[in-house]
Amino acid sequence: MDNQTRTELEAAAFRALRAHLMEKRADVQNIDMMNLAGFCRNCLSRWYQEAATERGIDMSKDAAREIFYGMPYDDWKARNQTEASADQQAAFTKSFAENVGPKG
């Protein structure tokens, strides 16, 4: 397989993952994804931003999130995110440290 085809397939898979998380499973909480899988929608938007930066494209965290979420992040949160329990928050602190790094 040539590099262009591989890139196109990877991009299609990313778009399918994004659509699945945003349209079919908006009910799945980011904190649960992070606690179970070690990444969430915010990680995906951060990876998008990092890829842009690597290519010399200036993109803020908020802009990357809006591209990924299809709306301002605060709007998506208000529509879809629920309050996290103390157990979820404790698990998140551990998962975040293991998968992303120190919170800060």
C-alpha atoms as a PDB file:
ATOM      1  CA  MET A   1       0.000   0.000   0.000  1.00  0.00           C
ATOM      2  CA  ASP A   2       1.360   3.412  -0.881  1.00  0.00           C
ATOM      3  CA  ASN A   3       1.685   6.207   1.698  1.00  0.00           C
ATOM      4  CA  GLN A   4      -1.088   8.348   0.207  1.00  0.00           C
ATOM      5  CA  THR A   5      -3.595   5.489   0.385  1.00  0.00           C
ATOM      6  CA  ARG A   6      -2.510   4.649   3.945  1.00  0.00           C
ATOM      7  CA  THR A   7      -2.957   8.294   4.971  1.00  0.00           C
ATOM      8  CA  GLU A   8      -6.403   8.425   3.372  1.00  0.00           C
ATOM      9  CA  LEU A   9      -7.478   5.218   5.141  1.00  0.00           C
ATOM     10  CA  GLU A  10      -6.176   6.491   8.483  1.00  0.00           C
ATOM     11  CA  ALA A  11      -8.028   9.772   7.990  1.00  0.00           C
ATOM     12  CA  ALA A  12     -11.240   7.898   7.139  1.00  0.00           C
ATOM     13  CA  ALA A  13     -10.861   5.758  10.271  1.00  0.00           C
ATOM     14  CA  PHE A  14     -10.324   8.888  12.388  1.00  0.00           C
ATOM     15  CA  ARG A  15     -13.433  10.529  10.914  1.00  0.00           C
ATOM     16  CA  ALA A  16     -15.444   7.367  11.624  1.00  0.00           C
ATOM     17  CA  LEU A  17     -14.203   7.296  15.237  1.00  0.00           C
ATOM     18  CA  ARG A  18     -15.056  10.967  15.687  1.00  0.00           C
ATOM     19  CA  ALA A  19     -18.543  10.491  14.211  1.00  0.00           C
ATOM     20  CA  HIS A  20     -19.138   7.440  16.389  1.00  0.00           C
ATOM     21  CA  LEU A  21     -18.152   9.304  19.566  1.00  0.00           C
ATOM     22  CA  MET A  22     -20.003  12.493  18.678  1.00  0.00           C
ATOM     23  CA  GLU A  23     -23.150  11.224  16.970  1.00  0.00           C
ATOM     24  CA  LYS A  24     -23.780   7.661  18.101  1.00  0.00           C
ATOM     25  CA  ARG A  25     -22.248   7.629  21.585  1.00  0.00           C
ATOM     26  CA  ALA A  26     -22.336  11.177  22.928  1.00  0.00           C
ATOM     27  CA  ASP A  27     -23.712   9.537  26.072  1.00  0.00           C
ATOM     28  CA  VAL A  28     -20.334   7.983  26.861  1.00  0.00           C
ATOM     29  CA  GLN A  29     -18.620  10.316  29.281  1.00  0.00           C
ATOM     30  CA  ASN A  30     -15.075  11.523  28.632  1.00  0.00           C
ATOM     31  CA  ILE A  31     -14.093  10.613  32.186  1.00  0.00           C
ATOM     32  CA  ASP A  32     -15.238   7.023  31.667  1.00  0.00           C
ATOM     33  CA  MET A  33     -13.324   6.792  28.390  1.00  0.00           C
ATOM     34  CA  MET A  34     -10.199   8.123  30.087  1.00  0.00           C
ATOM     35  CA  ASN A  35     -10.571   5.777  33.035  1.00  0.00           C
ATOM     36  CA  LEU A  36     -11.102   2.707  30.839  1.00  0.00           C
ATOM     37  CA  ALA A  37      -9.057   3.419  27.719  1.00  0.00           C
ATOM     38  CA  GLY A  38      -6.526   6.038  28.758  1.00  0.00           C
ATOM     39  CA  PHE A  39      -7.789   8.601  26.255  1.00  0.00           C
ATOM     40  CA  CYS A  40     -10.931  10.628  25.600  1.00  0.00           C
ATOM     41  CA  ARG A  41     -12.357  13.110  23.118  1.00  0.00           C
ATOM     42  CA  ASN A  42     -10.161  15.854  24.572  1.00  0.00           C
ATOM     43  CA  CYS A  43      -7.082  13.700  23.943  1.00  0.00           C
ATOM     44  CA  LEU A  44      -8.159  13.252  20.332  1.00  0.00           C
ATOM     45  CA  SER A  45      -8.583  17.006  19.909  1.00  0.00           C
ATOM     46  CA  ARG A  46      -5.170  17.567  21.562  1.00  0.00           C
ATOM     47  CA  TRP A  47      -3.552  15.069  19.185  1.00  0.00           C
ATOM     48  CA  TYR A  48      -5.194  16.960  16.300  1.00  0.00           C
ATOM     49  CA  GLN A  49      -3.743  20.222  17.631  1.00  0.00           C
ATOM     50  CA  GLU A  50      -0.301  18.661  18.061  1.00  0.00           C
ATOM     51  CA  ALA A  51      -0.384  17.343  14.490  1.00  0.00           C
ATOM     52  CA  ALA A  52      -1.237  20.855  13.268  1.00  0.00           C
ATOM     53  CA  THR A  53       1.603  22.354  15.303  1.00  0.00           C
ATOM     54  CA  GLU A  54       4.054  19.796  13.881  1.00  0.00           C
ATOM     55  CA  ARG A  55       3.107  21.066  10.433  1.00  0.00           C
ATOM     56  CA  GLY A  56       3.559  24.727  11.363  1.00  0.00           C
ATOM     57  CA  ILE A  57      -0.168  25.436  11.699  1.00  0.00           C
ATOM     58  CA  ASP A  58      -0.991  27.652  14.668  1.00  0.00           C
ATOM     59  CA  MET A  59      -4.020  26.186  16.441  1.00  0.00           C
ATOM     60  CA  SER A  60      -5.258  26.855  19.949  1.00  0.00           C
ATOM     61  CA  LYS A  61      -6.603  24.179  22.278  1.00  0.00           C
ATOM     62  CA  ASP A  62     -10.082  25.728  22.002  1.00  0.00           C
ATOM     63  CA  ALA A  63      -9.921  25.798  18.200  1.00  0.00           C
ATOM     64  CA  ALA A  64      -8.869  22.139  18.059  1.00  0.00           C
ATOM     65  CA  ARG A  65     -11.668  21.175  20.427  1.00  0.00           C
ATOM     66  CA  GLU A  66     -14.222  23.075  18.362  1.00  0.00           C
ATOM     67  CA  ILE A  67     -13.038  21.298  15.204  1.00  0.00           C
ATOM     68  CA  PHE A  68     -13.271  17.920  16.923  1.00  0.00           C
ATOM     69  CA  TYR A  69     -16.537  18.507  18.799  1.00  0.00           C
ATOM     70  CA  GLY A  70     -18.197  20.394  15.946  1.00  0.00           C
ATOM     71  CA  MET A  71     -19.140  23.179  18.365  1.00  0.00           C
ATOM     72  CA  PRO A  72     -17.546  25.092  21.227  1.00  0.00           C
ATOM     73  CA  TYR A  73     -16.457  22.626  23.908  1.00  0.00           C
ATOM     74  CA  ASP A  74     -18.506  24.344  26.621  1.00  0.00           C
ATOM     75  CA  ASP A  75     -21.648  23.878  24.499  1.00  0.00           C
ATOM     76  CA  TRP A  76     -20.923  20.172  24.026  1.00  0.00           C
ATOM     77  CA  LYS A  77     -20.224  19.769  27.743  1.00  0.00           C
ATOM     78  CA  ALA A  78     -23.516  21.461  28.675  1.00  0.00           C
ATOM     79  CA  ARG A  79     -25.440  19.155  26.322  1.00  0.00           C
ATOM     80  CA  ASN A  80     -23.728  15.847  27.047  1.00  0.00           C
ATOM     81  CA  GLN A  81     -21.530  15.773  30.121  1.00  0.00           C
ATOM     82  CA  THR A  82     -22.743  14.767  33.565  1.00  0.00           C
ATOM     83  CA  GLU A  83     -21.204  15.439  36.969  1.00  0.00           C
ATOM     84  CA  ALA A  84     -18.453  12.961  37.823  1.00  0.00           C
ATOM     85  CA  SER A  85     -18.644  10.951  41.014  1.00  0.00           C
ATOM     86  CA  ALA A  86     -15.836  10.953  43.571  1.00  0.00           C
ATOM     87  CA  ASP A  87     -14.842   7.442  42.422  1.00  0.00           C
ATOM     88  CA  GLN A  88     -14.719   8.557  38.773  1.00  0.00           C
ATOM     89  CA  GLN A  89     -12.621  11.583  39.704  1.00  0.00           C
ATOM     90  CA  ALA A  90     -10.163   9.466  41.713  1.00  0.00           C
ATOM     91  CA  ALA A  91      -9.797   6.978  38.853  1.00  0.00           C
ATOM     92  CA  PHE A  92      -9.349   9.884  36.435  1.00  0.00           C
ATOM     93  CA  THR A  93      -6.500  11.379  38.466  1.00  0.00           C
ATOM     94  CA  LYS A  94      -4.654   8.054  38.247  1.00  0.00           C
ATOM     95  CA  SER A  95      -5.445   7.472  34.560  1.00  0.00           C
ATOM     96  CA  PHE A  96      -4.514  11.031  33.583  1.00  0.00           C
ATOM     97  CA  ALA A  97      -1.155  10.744  35.349  1.00  0.00           C
ATOM     98  CA  GLU A  98      -0.426   7.398  33.681  1.00  0.00           C
ATOM     99  CA  ASN A  99      -1.563   8.359  30.161  1.00  0.00           C
ATOM    100  CA  VAL A 100      -1.161  12.108  29.773  1.00  0.00           C
ATOM    101  CA  GLY A 101       1.149  13.372  32.497  1.00  0.00           C
ATOM    102  CA  PRO A 102       0.917  15.533  35.577  1.00  0.00           C
ATOM    103  CA  LYS A 103      -2.183  17.689  35.655  1.00  0.00           C
ATOM    104  CA  GLY A 104      -1.353  21.308  35.271  1.00  0.00           C
END
